[in-house]
């Protein structure tokens, strides 16, 4: 299949879970389309995200230099991408309401144990 094929995927789901050994990246749930990327960082316990979500217009900002998440005019696009993210999560066996992930303890300044670096 190629990108011009009607069955070619329209979006990509990405997720990563916080690791105590490498506390530099929080929990991540993200979706990317040809033109947009939406990323959010759930805390892991159902409370509000502790890190600001991100929204990028990849067509006009391929270097992802302008986070559009706080722009009121982007509300519709955010809802659209959140729905797509939820759909992709379900397709991979993750339900956005019951997604189990570690609690994000926050970014640490200490390096991990030398044995695992």
PDB file of N, CA and C in Angstrom:
ATOM      1  N   UNK A   1       0.827  -1.190   0.000  1.00  0.00           N
ATOM      2  CA  UNK A   1       0.000   0.000   0.000  1.00  0.00           C
ATOM      3  C   UNK A   1       0.870   1.252   0.000  1.00  0.00           C
ATOM      4  N   UNK A   2       0.380   2.281  -0.634  1.00  0.00           N
ATOM      5  CA  UNK A   2       1.063   3.562  -0.664  1.00  0.00           C
ATOM      6  C   UNK A   2       0.130   4.642  -0.143  1.00  0.00           C
ATOM      7  N   UNK A   3       0.675   5.802   0.139  1.00  0.00           N
ATOM      8  CA  UNK A   3      -0.119   6.866   0.733  1.00  0.00           C
ATOM      9  C   UNK A   3      -1.278   7.309  -0.148  1.00  0.00           C
ATOM     10  N   UNK A   4      -1.251   7.074  -1.451  1.00  0.00           N
ATOM     11  CA  UNK A   4      -2.355   7.419  -2.329  1.00  0.00           C
ATOM     12  C   UNK A   4      -3.478   6.401  -2.310  1.00  0.00           C
ATOM     13  N   UNK A   5      -3.245   5.230  -1.740  1.00  0.00           N
ATOM     14  CA  UNK A   5      -4.260   4.189  -1.672  1.00  0.00           C
ATOM     15  C   UNK A   5      -5.362   4.569  -0.692  1.00  0.00           C
ATOM     16  N   UNK A   6      -6.632   4.273  -1.024  1.00  0.00           N
ATOM     17  CA  UNK A   6      -7.734   4.640  -0.127  1.00  0.00           C
ATOM     18  C   UNK A   6      -7.684   3.923   1.221  1.00  0.00           C
ATOM     19  N   UNK A   7      -7.014   2.775   1.287  1.00  0.00           N
ATOM     20  CA  UNK A   7      -6.942   2.030   2.548  1.00  0.00           C
ATOM     21  C   UNK A   7      -5.738   2.435   3.409  1.00  0.00           C
ATOM     22  N   UNK A   8      -4.918   3.345   2.909  1.00  0.00           N
ATOM     23  CA  UNK A   8      -3.748   3.795   3.650  1.00  0.00           C
ATOM     24  C   UNK A   8      -4.205   4.543   4.893  1.00  0.00           C
ATOM     25  N   UNK A   9      -3.530   4.336   5.994  1.00  0.00           N
ATOM     26  CA  UNK A   9      -3.942   4.983   7.242  1.00  0.00           C
ATOM     27  C   UNK A   9      -3.938   6.505   7.111  1.00  0.00           C
ATOM     28  N   UNK A  10      -4.870   7.113   7.824  1.00  0.00           N
ATOM     29  CA  UNK A  10      -5.010   8.572   7.806  1.00  0.00           C
ATOM     30  C   UNK A  10      -4.360   9.215   9.024  1.00  0.00           C
ATOM     31  N   UNK A  11      -4.055   8.386  10.029  1.00  0.00           N
ATOM     32  CA  UNK A  11      -3.463   8.922  11.252  1.00  0.00           C
ATOM     33  C   UNK A  11      -2.620   7.853  11.927  1.00  0.00           C
ATOM     34  N   UNK A  12      -1.796   8.317  12.866  1.00  0.00           N
ATOM     35  CA  UNK A  12      -0.885   7.450  13.598  1.00  0.00           C
ATOM     36  C   UNK A  12      -1.047   7.721  15.084  1.00  0.00           C
ATOM     37  N   UNK A  13      -1.114   6.668  15.881  1.00  0.00           N
ATOM     38  CA  UNK A  13      -1.232   6.770  17.331  1.00  0.00           C
ATOM     39  C   UNK A  13       0.127   6.492  17.952  1.00  0.00           C
ATOM     40  N   UNK A  14       0.504   7.299  18.938  1.00  0.00           N
ATOM     41  CA  UNK A  14       1.750   7.110  19.659  1.00  0.00           C
ATOM     42  C   UNK A  14       1.458   7.179  21.148  1.00  0.00           C
ATOM     43  N   UNK A  15       2.070   6.277  21.914  1.00  0.00           N
ATOM     44  CA  UNK A  15       1.965   6.394  23.366  1.00  0.00           C
ATOM     45  C   UNK A  15       3.251   5.937  24.021  1.00  0.00           C
ATOM     46  N   UNK A  16       3.490   6.501  25.181  1.00  0.00           N
ATOM     47  CA  UNK A  16       4.675   6.192  25.965  1.00  0.00           C
ATOM     48  C   UNK A  16       4.277   6.315  27.424  1.00  0.00           C
ATOM     49  N   UNK A  17       4.759   5.408  28.245  1.00  0.00           N
ATOM     50  CA  UNK A  17       4.482   5.464  29.674  1.00  0.00           C
ATOM     51  C   UNK A  17       5.720   5.908  30.450  1.00  0.00           C
ATOM     52  N   UNK A  18       5.476   6.776  31.403  1.00  0.00           N
ATOM     53  CA  UNK A  18       6.510   7.285  32.307  1.00  0.00           C
ATOM     54  C   UNK A  18       7.286   6.120  32.920  1.00  0.00           C
ATOM     55  N   UNK A  19       8.599   6.258  33.011  1.00  0.00           N
ATOM     56  CA  UNK A  19       9.446   5.249  33.631  1.00  0.00           C
ATOM     57  C   UNK A  19      10.238   5.895  34.758  1.00  0.00           C
ATOM     58  N   UNK A  20      10.184   5.289  35.945  1.00  0.00           N
ATOM     59  CA  UNK A  20      10.930   5.845  37.078  1.00  0.00           C
ATOM     60  C   UNK A  20      12.427   5.871  36.804  1.00  0.00           C
ATOM     61  N   UNK A  21      12.923   4.890  36.057  1.00  0.00           N
ATOM     62  CA  UNK A  21      14.352   4.829  35.770  1.00  0.00           C
ATOM     63  C   UNK A  21      14.788   5.947  34.823  1.00  0.00           C
ATOM     64  N   UNK A  22      13.877   6.440  34.002  1.00  0.00           N
ATOM     65  CA  UNK A  22      14.166   7.489  33.033  1.00  0.00           C
ATOM     66  C   UNK A  22      13.095   8.568  33.133  1.00  0.00           C
ATOM     67  N   UNK A  23      13.121   9.348  34.191  1.00  0.00           N
ATOM     68  CA  UNK A  23      12.029  10.292  34.462  1.00  0.00           C
ATOM     69  C   UNK A  23      12.137  11.613  33.704  1.00  0.00           C
ATOM     70  N   UNK A  24      12.416  11.515  32.432  1.00  0.00           N
ATOM     71  CA  UNK A  24      12.566  12.718  31.630  1.00  0.00           C
ATOM     72  C   UNK A  24      11.414  12.886  30.648  1.00  0.00           C
ATOM     73  N   UNK A  25      10.623  11.842  30.485  1.00  0.00           N
ATOM     74  CA  UNK A  25       9.492  11.881  29.568  1.00  0.00           C
ATOM     75  C   UNK A  25       8.247  11.439  30.318  1.00  0.00           C
ATOM     76  N   UNK A  26       7.218  12.266  30.318  1.00  0.00           N
ATOM     77  CA  UNK A  26       5.980  11.902  31.011  1.00  0.00           C
ATOM     78  C   UNK A  26       5.174  10.889  30.199  1.00  0.00           C
ATOM     79  N   UNK A  27       4.043  10.449  30.747  1.00  0.00           N
ATOM     80  CA  UNK A  27       3.096   9.663  29.967  1.00  0.00           C
ATOM     81  C   UNK A  27       2.704  10.495  28.751  1.00  0.00           C
ATOM     82  N   UNK A  28       2.632   9.851  27.604  1.00  0.00           N
ATOM     83  CA  UNK A  28       2.283  10.556  26.364  1.00  0.00           C
ATOM     84  C   UNK A  28       1.197   9.768  25.642  1.00  0.00           C
ATOM     85  N   UNK A  29       0.206  10.481  25.153  1.00  0.00           N
ATOM     86  CA  UNK A  29      -0.796   9.922  24.250  1.00  0.00           C
ATOM     87  C   UNK A  29      -0.916  10.940  23.116  1.00  0.00           C
ATOM     88  N   UNK A  30      -0.692  10.509  21.872  1.00  0.00           N
ATOM     89  CA  UNK A  30      -0.629  11.456  20.764  1.00  0.00           C
ATOM     90  C   UNK A  30      -1.207  10.866  19.485  1.00  0.00           C
ATOM     91  N   UNK A  31      -1.630  11.763  18.617  1.00  0.00           N
ATOM     92  CA  UNK A  31      -2.101  11.385  17.292  1.00  0.00           C
ATOM     93  C   UNK A  31      -1.479  12.341  16.282  1.00  0.00           C
ATOM     94  N   UNK A  32      -1.109  11.779  15.127  1.00  0.00           N
ATOM     95  CA  UNK A  32      -0.536  12.590  14.051  1.00  0.00           C
ATOM     96  C   UNK A  32      -1.252  12.254  12.763  1.00  0.00           C
ATOM     97  N   UNK A  33      -1.614  13.285  12.023  1.00  0.00           N
ATOM     98  CA  UNK A  33      -2.158  13.132  10.679  1.00  0.00           C
ATOM     99  C   UNK A  33      -1.152  13.769   9.721  1.00  0.00           C
ATOM    100  N   UNK A  34      -1.481  13.820   8.443  1.00  0.00           N
ATOM    101  CA  UNK A  34      -0.571  14.471   7.498  1.00  0.00           C
ATOM    102  C   UNK A  34      -0.299  15.918   7.892  1.00  0.00           C
ATOM    103  N   UNK A  35      -1.339  16.598   8.392  1.00  0.00           N
ATOM    104  CA  UNK A  35      -1.227  18.033   8.626  1.00  0.00           C
ATOM    105  C   UNK A  35      -1.210  18.457  10.088  1.00  0.00           C
ATOM    106  N   UNK A  36      -1.520  17.560  11.017  1.00  0.00           N
ATOM    107  CA  UNK A  36      -1.671  17.961  12.423  1.00  0.00           C
ATOM    108  C   UNK A  36      -1.032  16.964  13.369  1.00  0.00           C
ATOM    109  N   UNK A  37      -0.594  17.473  14.515  1.00  0.00           N
ATOM    110  CA  UNK A  37      -0.127  16.624  15.606  1.00  0.00           C
ATOM    111  C   UNK A  37      -0.734  17.152  16.903  1.00  0.00           C
ATOM    112  N   UNK A  38      -1.372  16.232  17.655  1.00  0.00           N
ATOM    113  CA  UNK A  38      -1.946  16.559  18.965  1.00  0.00           C
ATOM    114  C   UNK A  38      -1.313  15.631  19.984  1.00  0.00           C
ATOM    115  N   UNK A  39      -0.797  16.202  21.066  1.00  0.00           N
ATOM    116  CA  UNK A  39      -0.126  15.428  22.109  1.00  0.00           C
ATOM    117  C   UNK A  39      -0.687  15.850  23.457  1.00  0.00           C
ATOM    118  N   UNK A  40      -1.017  14.864  24.295  1.00  0.00           N
ATOM    119  CA  UNK A  40      -1.328  15.229  25.676  1.00  0.00           C
ATOM    120  C   UNK A  40      -0.583  14.295  26.607  1.00  0.00           C
ATOM    121  N   UNK A  41      -0.441  14.764  27.836  1.00  0.00           N
ATOM    122  CA  UNK A  41       0.413  14.112  28.815  1.00  0.00           C
ATOM    123  C   UNK A  41      -0.405  13.783  30.056  1.00  0.00           C
ATOM    124  N   UNK A  42      -1.159  12.676  30.025  1.00  0.00           N
ATOM    125  CA  UNK A  42      -1.985  12.341  31.196  1.00  0.00           C
ATOM    126  C   UNK A  42      -1.123  12.019  32.408  1.00  0.00           C
ATOM    127  N   UNK A  43      -1.620  12.432  33.560  1.00  0.00           N
ATOM    128  CA  UNK A  43      -0.871  12.227  34.803  1.00  0.00           C
ATOM    129  C   UNK A  43      -0.821  10.749  35.192  1.00  0.00           C
ATOM    130  N   UNK A  44      -1.875  10.019  34.917  1.00  0.00           N
ATOM    131  CA  UNK A  44      -1.887   8.591  35.227  1.00  0.00           C
ATOM    132  C   UNK A  44      -2.863   8.202  36.306  1.00  0.00           C
ATOM    133  N   UNK A  45      -3.471   9.178  36.970  1.00  0.00           N
ATOM    134  CA  UNK A  45      -4.413   8.838  38.030  1.00  0.00           C
ATOM    135  C   UNK A  45      -5.813   9.420  37.778  1.00  0.00           C
ATOM    136  N   UNK A  46      -6.060   9.879  36.561  1.00  0.00           N
ATOM    137  CA  UNK A  46      -7.368  10.421  36.232  1.00  0.00           C
ATOM    138  C   UNK A  46      -7.522  11.903  36.524  1.00  0.00           C
ATOM    139  N   UNK A  47      -6.548  12.516  37.181  1.00  0.00           N
ATOM    140  CA  UNK A  47      -6.621  13.950  37.443  1.00  0.00           C
ATOM    141  C   UNK A  47      -6.208  14.709  36.180  1.00  0.00           C
ATOM    142  N   UNK A  48      -6.376  16.007  36.214  1.00  0.00           N
ATOM    143  CA  UNK A  48      -6.028  16.838  35.065  1.00  0.00           C
ATOM    144  C   UNK A  48      -4.555  16.660  34.698  1.00  0.00           C
ATOM    145  N   UNK A  49      -4.282  16.788  33.405  1.00  0.00           N
ATOM    146  CA  UNK A  49      -2.898  16.706  32.930  1.00  0.00           C
ATOM    147  C   UNK A  49      -2.046  17.742  33.643  1.00  0.00           C
ATOM    148  N   UNK A  50      -0.839  17.373  34.001  1.00  0.00           N
ATOM    149  CA  UNK A  50       0.060  18.291  34.690  1.00  0.00           C
ATOM    150  C   UNK A  50       0.997  19.026  33.723  1.00  0.00           C
ATOM    151  N   UNK A  51       1.042  18.571  32.491  1.00  0.00           N
ATOM    152  CA  UNK A  51       1.870  19.207  31.461  1.00  0.00           C
ATOM    153  C   UNK A  51       0.943  19.756  30.377  1.00  0.00           C
ATOM    154  N   UNK A  52       1.308  20.884  29.798  1.00  0.00           N
ATOM    155  CA  UNK A  52       0.491  21.491  28.750  1.00  0.00           C
ATOM    156  C   UNK A  52       0.455  20.599  27.513  1.00  0.00           C
ATOM    157  N   UNK A  53      -0.740  20.400  26.990  1.00  0.00           N
ATOM    158  CA  UNK A  53      -0.889  19.649  25.743  1.00  0.00           C
ATOM    159  C   UNK A  53      -0.262  20.448  24.607  1.00  0.00           C
ATOM    160  N   UNK A  54      -0.107  19.784  23.464  1.00  0.00           N
ATOM    161  CA  UNK A  54       0.500  20.431  22.315  1.00  0.00           C
ATOM    162  C   UNK A  54      -0.336  20.177  21.074  1.00  0.00           C
ATOM    163  N   UNK A  55      -0.425  21.181  20.226  1.00  0.00           N
ATOM    164  CA  UNK A  55      -1.112  21.081  18.945  1.00  0.00           C
ATOM    165  C   UNK A  55      -0.267  21.809  17.911  1.00  0.00           C
ATOM    166  N   UNK A  56       0.063  21.100  16.830  1.00  0.00           N
ATOM    167  CA  UNK A  56       0.896  21.694  15.788  1.00  0.00           C
ATOM    168  C   UNK A  56       0.248  21.540  14.424  1.00  0.00           C
ATOM    169  N   UNK A  57       0.290  22.611  13.652  1.00  0.00           N
ATOM    170  CA  UNK A  57      -0.147  22.633  12.262  1.00  0.00           C
ATOM    171  C   UNK A  57       1.092  22.297  11.431  1.00  0.00           C
ATOM    172  N   UNK A  58       1.248  21.029  11.088  1.00  0.00           N
ATOM    173  CA  UNK A  58       2.470  20.565  10.430  1.00  0.00           C
ATOM    174  C   UNK A  58       2.620  21.085   9.011  1.00  0.00           C
ATOM    175  N   UNK A  59       1.506  21.408   8.378  1.00  0.00           N
ATOM    176  CA  UNK A  59       1.566  21.942   7.018  1.00  0.00           C
ATOM    177  C   UNK A  59       2.216  23.333   7.011  1.00  0.00           C
ATOM    178  N   UNK A  60       1.834  24.170   7.970  1.00  0.00           N
ATOM    179  CA  UNK A  60       2.340  25.540   8.023  1.00  0.00           C
ATOM    180  C   UNK A  60       3.491  25.735   9.000  1.00  0.00           C
ATOM    181  N   UNK A  61       3.725  24.739   9.841  1.00  0.00           N
ATOM    182  CA  UNK A  61       4.784  24.823  10.855  1.00  0.00           C
ATOM    183  C   UNK A  61       5.449  23.454  10.997  1.00  0.00           C
ATOM    184  N   UNK A  62       6.138  22.985   9.953  1.00  0.00           N
ATOM    185  CA  UNK A  62       6.709  21.630  10.000  1.00  0.00           C
ATOM    186  C   UNK A  62       7.762  21.454  11.090  1.00  0.00           C
ATOM    187  N   UNK A  63       8.343  22.546  11.559  1.00  0.00           N
ATOM    188  CA  UNK A  63       9.337  22.461  12.620  1.00  0.00           C
ATOM    189  C   UNK A  63       8.727  22.454  14.018  1.00  0.00           C
ATOM    190  N   UNK A  64       7.400  22.492  14.081  1.00  0.00           N
ATOM    191  CA  UNK A  64       6.673  22.466  15.353  1.00  0.00           C
ATOM    192  C   UNK A  64       7.185  23.539  16.314  1.00  0.00           C
ATOM    193  N   UNK A  65       7.212  24.769  15.845  1.00  0.00           N
ATOM    194  CA  UNK A  65       7.708  25.871  16.661  1.00  0.00           C
ATOM    195  C   UNK A  65       6.596  26.652  17.359  1.00  0.00           C
ATOM    196  N   UNK A  66       5.342  26.477  16.917  1.00  0.00           N
ATOM    197  CA  UNK A  66       4.228  27.236  17.489  1.00  0.00           C
ATOM    198  C   UNK A  66       3.168  26.283  18.023  1.00  0.00           C
ATOM    199  N   UNK A  67       3.105  26.138  19.336  1.00  0.00           N
ATOM    200  CA  UNK A  67       2.083  25.307  19.971  1.00  0.00           C
ATOM    201  C   UNK A  67       0.764  26.079  19.938  1.00  0.00           C
ATOM    202  N   UNK A  68      -0.235  25.535  19.255  1.00  0.00           N
ATOM    203  CA  UNK A  68      -1.523  26.207  19.068  1.00  0.00           C
ATOM    204  C   UNK A  68      -2.573  25.786  20.090  1.00  0.00           C
ATOM    205  N   UNK A  69      -2.200  25.018  21.100  1.00  0.00           N
ATOM    206  CA  UNK A  69      -3.178  24.448  22.019  1.00  0.00           C
ATOM    207  C   UNK A  69      -4.023  25.499  22.731  1.00  0.00           C
ATOM    208  N   UNK A  70      -3.493  26.665  23.002  1.00  0.00           N
ATOM    209  CA  UNK A  70      -4.232  27.680  23.739  1.00  0.00           C
ATOM    210  C   UNK A  70      -5.077  28.609  22.882  1.00  0.00           C
ATOM    211  N   UNK A  71      -5.081  28.404  21.583  1.00  0.00           N
ATOM    212  CA  UNK A  71      -5.831  29.280  20.682  1.00  0.00           C
ATOM    213  C   UNK A  71      -7.304  28.869  20.648  1.00  0.00           C
ATOM    214  N   UNK A  72      -8.222  29.762  21.038  1.00  0.00           N
ATOM    215  CA  UNK A  72      -9.657  29.420  21.047  1.00  0.00           C
ATOM    216  C   UNK A  72     -10.167  28.932  19.697  1.00  0.00           C
ATOM    217  N   UNK A  73      -9.634  29.463  18.611  1.00  0.00           N
ATOM    218  CA  UNK A  73     -10.103  29.062  17.281  1.00  0.00           C
ATOM    219  C   UNK A  73      -9.695  27.630  16.913  1.00  0.00           C
ATOM    220  N   UNK A  74      -8.859  27.006  17.725  1.00  0.00           N
ATOM    221  CA  UNK A  74      -8.417  25.637  17.476  1.00  0.00           C
ATOM    222  C   UNK A  74      -9.285  24.598  18.207  1.00  0.00           C
ATOM    223  N   UNK A  75     -10.289  25.037  18.945  1.00  0.00           N
ATOM    224  CA  UNK A  75     -11.120  24.121  19.747  1.00  0.00           C
ATOM    225  C   UNK A  75     -11.713  22.997  18.905  1.00  0.00           C
ATOM    226  N   UNK A  76     -12.218  23.310  17.732  1.00  0.00           N
ATOM    227  CA  UNK A  76     -12.798  22.283  16.867  1.00  0.00           C
ATOM    228  C   UNK A  76     -11.769  21.274  16.404  1.00  0.00           C
ATOM    229  N   UNK A  77     -10.588  21.751  16.033  1.00  0.00           N
ATOM    230  CA  UNK A  77      -9.514  20.850  15.591  1.00  0.00           C
ATOM    231  C   UNK A  77      -9.060  19.967  16.750  1.00  0.00           C
ATOM    232  N   UNK A  78      -8.984  20.533  17.947  1.00  0.00           N
ATOM    233  CA  UNK A  78      -8.592  19.750  19.124  1.00  0.00           C
ATOM    234  C   UNK A  78      -9.602  18.649  19.383  1.00  0.00           C
ATOM    235  N   UNK A  79     -10.884  18.979  19.343  1.00  0.00           N
ATOM    236  CA  UNK A  79     -11.929  17.971  19.547  1.00  0.00           C
ATOM    237  C   UNK A  79     -11.843  16.877  18.491  1.00  0.00           C
ATOM    238  N   UNK A  80     -11.616  17.268  17.247  1.00  0.00           N
ATOM    239  CA  UNK A  80     -11.490  16.300  16.160  1.00  0.00           C
ATOM    240  C   UNK A  80     -10.322  15.346  16.410  1.00  0.00           C
ATOM    241  N   UNK A  81      -9.181  15.896  16.791  1.00  0.00           N
ATOM    242  CA  UNK A  81      -7.999  15.067  17.029  1.00  0.00           C
ATOM    243  C   UNK A  81      -8.138  14.231  18.297  1.00  0.00           C
ATOM    244  N   UNK A  82      -8.799  14.753  19.318  1.00  0.00           N
ATOM    245  CA  UNK A  82      -9.057  13.961  20.519  1.00  0.00           C
ATOM    246  C   UNK A  82      -9.953  12.767  20.188  1.00  0.00           C
ATOM    247  N   UNK A  83     -10.954  12.974  19.326  1.00  0.00           N
ATOM    248  CA  UNK A  83     -11.826  11.870  18.903  1.00  0.00           C
ATOM    249  C   UNK A  83     -11.032  10.832  18.112  1.00  0.00           C
ATOM    250  N   UNK A  84     -10.160  11.301  17.230  1.00  0.00           N
ATOM    251  CA  UNK A  84      -9.326  10.377  16.458  1.00  0.00           C
ATOM    252  C   UNK A  84      -8.385   9.608  17.383  1.00  0.00           C
ATOM    253  N   UNK A  85      -7.818  10.278  18.364  1.00  0.00           N
ATOM    254  CA  UNK A  85      -6.949   9.624  19.335  1.00  0.00           C
ATOM    255  C   UNK A  85      -7.710   8.539  20.089  1.00  0.00           C
ATOM    256  N   UNK A  86      -8.907   8.856  20.552  1.00  0.00           N
ATOM    257  CA  UNK A  86      -9.721   7.868  21.273  1.00  0.00           C
ATOM    258  C   UNK A  86     -10.036   6.667  20.384  1.00  0.00           C
ATOM    259  N   UNK A  87     -10.344   6.916  19.117  1.00  0.00           N
ATOM    260  CA  UNK A  87     -10.633   5.834  18.164  1.00  0.00           C
ATOM    261  C   UNK A  87      -9.417   4.931  17.972  1.00  0.00           C
ATOM    262  N   UNK A  88      -8.251   5.539  17.796  1.00  0.00           N
ATOM    263  CA  UNK A  88      -7.036   4.753  17.592  1.00  0.00           C
ATOM    264  C   UNK A  88      -6.641   3.988  18.849  1.00  0.00           C
ATOM    265  N   UNK A  89      -6.859   4.594  19.999  1.00  0.00           N
ATOM    266  CA  UNK A  89      -6.563   3.890  21.247  1.00  0.00           C
ATOM    267  C   UNK A  89      -7.431   2.644  21.364  1.00  0.00           C
ATOM    268  N   UNK A  90      -8.721   2.768  21.083  1.00  0.00           N
ATOM    269  CA  UNK A  90      -9.618   1.605  21.126  1.00  0.00           C
ATOM    270  C   UNK A  90      -9.180   0.538  20.142  1.00  0.00           C
ATOM    271  N   UNK A  91      -8.755   0.952  18.965  1.00  0.00           N
ATOM    272  CA  UNK A  91      -8.327  -0.002  17.939  1.00  0.00           C
ATOM    273  C   UNK A  91      -7.096  -0.793  18.375  1.00  0.00           C
ATOM    274  N   UNK A  92      -6.315  -0.246  19.296  1.00  0.00           N
ATOM    275  CA  UNK A  92      -5.121  -0.945  19.784  1.00  0.00           C
ATOM    276  C   UNK A  92      -5.347  -1.585  21.152  1.00  0.00           C
ATOM    277  N   UNK A  93      -6.593  -1.557  21.618  1.00  0.00           N
ATOM    278  CA  UNK A  93      -6.914  -2.202  22.888  1.00  0.00           C
ATOM    279  C   UNK A  93      -6.835  -1.297  24.100  1.00  0.00           C
ATOM    280  N   UNK A  94      -6.635  -0.011  23.900  1.00  0.00           N
ATOM    281  CA  UNK A  94      -6.608   0.941  25.009  1.00  0.00           C
ATOM    282  C   UNK A  94      -7.890   1.762  25.000  1.00  0.00           C
ATOM    283  N   UNK A  95      -8.571   1.788  26.116  1.00  0.00           N
ATOM    284  CA  UNK A  95      -9.754   2.624  26.259  1.00  0.00           C
ATOM    285  C   UNK A  95      -9.324   3.886  26.998  1.00  0.00           C
ATOM    286  N   UNK A  96      -9.604   5.045  26.432  1.00  0.00           N
ATOM    287  CA  UNK A  96      -9.148   6.292  27.043  1.00  0.00           C
ATOM    288  C   UNK A  96      -9.692   6.474  28.455  1.00  0.00           C
ATOM    289  N   UNK A  97     -10.789   5.812  28.788  1.00  0.00           N
ATOM    290  CA  UNK A  97     -11.365   5.942  30.130  1.00  0.00           C
ATOM    291  C   UNK A  97     -10.714   4.985  31.139  1.00  0.00           C
ATOM    292  N   UNK A  98     -10.147   3.889  30.644  1.00  0.00           N
ATOM    293  CA  UNK A  98      -9.555   2.902  31.547  1.00  0.00           C
ATOM    294  C   UNK A  98      -8.073   2.658  31.252  1.00  0.00           C
ATOM    295  N   UNK A  99      -7.459   3.551  30.512  1.00  0.00           N
ATOM    296  CA  UNK A  99      -6.048   3.441  30.151  1.00  0.00           C
ATOM    297  C   UNK A  99      -5.198   3.423  31.414  1.00  0.00           C
ATOM    298  N   UNK A 100      -4.549   2.323  31.684  1.00  0.00           N
ATOM    299  CA  UNK A 100      -3.698   2.187  32.869  1.00  0.00           C
ATOM    300  C   UNK A 100      -2.278   2.609  32.522  1.00  0.00           C
ATOM    301  N   UNK A 101      -1.766   3.509  33.306  1.00  0.00           N
ATOM    302  CA  UNK A 101      -0.408   3.979  33.092  1.00  0.00           C
ATOM    303  C   UNK A 101       0.190   4.326  34.443  1.00  0.00           C
ATOM    304  N   UNK A 102       1.502   4.410  34.527  1.00  0.00           N
ATOM    305  CA  UNK A 102       2.117   4.770  35.804  1.00  0.00           C
ATOM    306  C   UNK A 102       1.815   6.227  36.161  1.00  0.00           C
ATOM    307  N   UNK A 103       1.897   6.521  37.439  1.00  0.00           N
ATOM    308  CA  UNK A 103       1.751   7.904  37.887  1.00  0.00           C
ATOM    309  C   UNK A 103       3.007   8.670  37.491  1.00  0.00           C
ATOM    310  N   UNK A 104       2.804   9.807  36.850  1.00  0.00           N
ATOM    311  CA  UNK A 104       3.915  10.658  36.442  1.00  0.00           C
ATOM    312  C   UNK A 104       4.427  11.382  37.684  1.00  0.00           C
ATOM    313  N   UNK A 105       5.598  11.007  38.161  1.00  0.00           N
ATOM    314  CA  UNK A 105       6.179  11.614  39.352  1.00  0.00           C
ATOM    315  C   UNK A 105       6.920  12.905  39.047  1.00  0.00           C
ATOM    316  N   UNK A 106       6.951  13.280  37.794  1.00  0.00           N
ATOM    317  CA  UNK A 106       7.613  14.523  37.414  1.00  0.00           C
ATOM    318  C   UNK A 106       9.037  14.301  36.960  1.00  0.00           C
ATOM    319  N   UNK A 107       9.534  15.266  36.234  1.00  0.00           N
ATOM    320  CA  UNK A 107      10.902  15.208  35.718  1.00  0.00           C
ATOM    321  C   UNK A 107      11.875  15.364  36.879  1.00  0.00           C
ATOM    322  N   UNK A 108      12.851  14.504  36.920  1.00  0.00           N
ATOM    323  CA  UNK A 108      13.861  14.537  37.968  1.00  0.00           C
ATOM    324  C   UNK A 108      15.137  15.150  37.415  1.00  0.00           C
ATOM    325  N   UNK A 109      15.944  15.693  38.289  1.00  0.00           N
ATOM    326  CA  UNK A 109      17.208  16.272  37.840  1.00  0.00           C
ATOM    327  C   UNK A 109      18.368  15.274  37.952  1.00  0.00           C
ATOM    328  N   UNK A 110      18.214  14.254  38.792  1.00  0.00           N
ATOM    329  CA  UNK A 110      19.274  13.266  38.956  1.00  0.00           C
ATOM    330  C   UNK A 110      19.293  12.305  37.772  1.00  0.00           C
ATOM    331  N   UNK A 111      20.483  11.894  37.371  1.00  0.00           N
ATOM    332  CA  UNK A 111      20.606  10.911  36.300  1.00  0.00           C
ATOM    333  C   UNK A 111      20.229   9.529  36.819  1.00  0.00           C
ATOM    334  N   UNK A 112      19.771   8.643  35.918  1.00  0.00           N
ATOM    335  CA  UNK A 112      19.478   7.268  36.341  1.00  0.00           C
ATOM    336  C   UNK A 112      20.743   6.567  36.824  1.00  0.00           C
ATOM    337  N   UNK A 113      20.541   5.488  37.512  1.00  0.00           N
ATOM    338  CA  UNK A 113      21.646   4.661  37.988  1.00  0.00           C
ATOM    339  C   UNK A 113      22.587   4.373  36.819  1.00  0.00           C
ATOM    340  N   UNK A 114      23.877   4.484  37.036  1.00  0.00           N
ATOM    341  CA  UNK A 114      24.877   4.304  35.979  1.00  0.00           C
ATOM    342  C   UNK A 114      24.766   2.932  35.306  1.00  0.00           C
ATOM    343  N   UNK A 115      24.279   1.916  36.035  1.00  0.00           N
ATOM    344  CA  UNK A 115      24.168   0.570  35.453  1.00  0.00           C
ATOM    345  C   UNK A 115      23.144   0.502  34.327  1.00  0.00           C
ATOM    346  N   UNK A 116      22.185   1.421  34.278  1.00  0.00           N
ATOM    347  CA  UNK A 116      21.158   1.341  33.258  1.00  0.00           C
ATOM    348  C   UNK A 116      21.233   2.493  32.255  1.00  0.00           C
ATOM    349  N   UNK A 117      22.250   3.310  32.334  1.00  0.00           N
ATOM    350  CA  UNK A 117      22.421   4.400  31.363  1.00  0.00           C
ATOM    351  C   UNK A 117      23.006   3.907  30.080  1.00  0.00           C
TER     352      UNK A 117
END
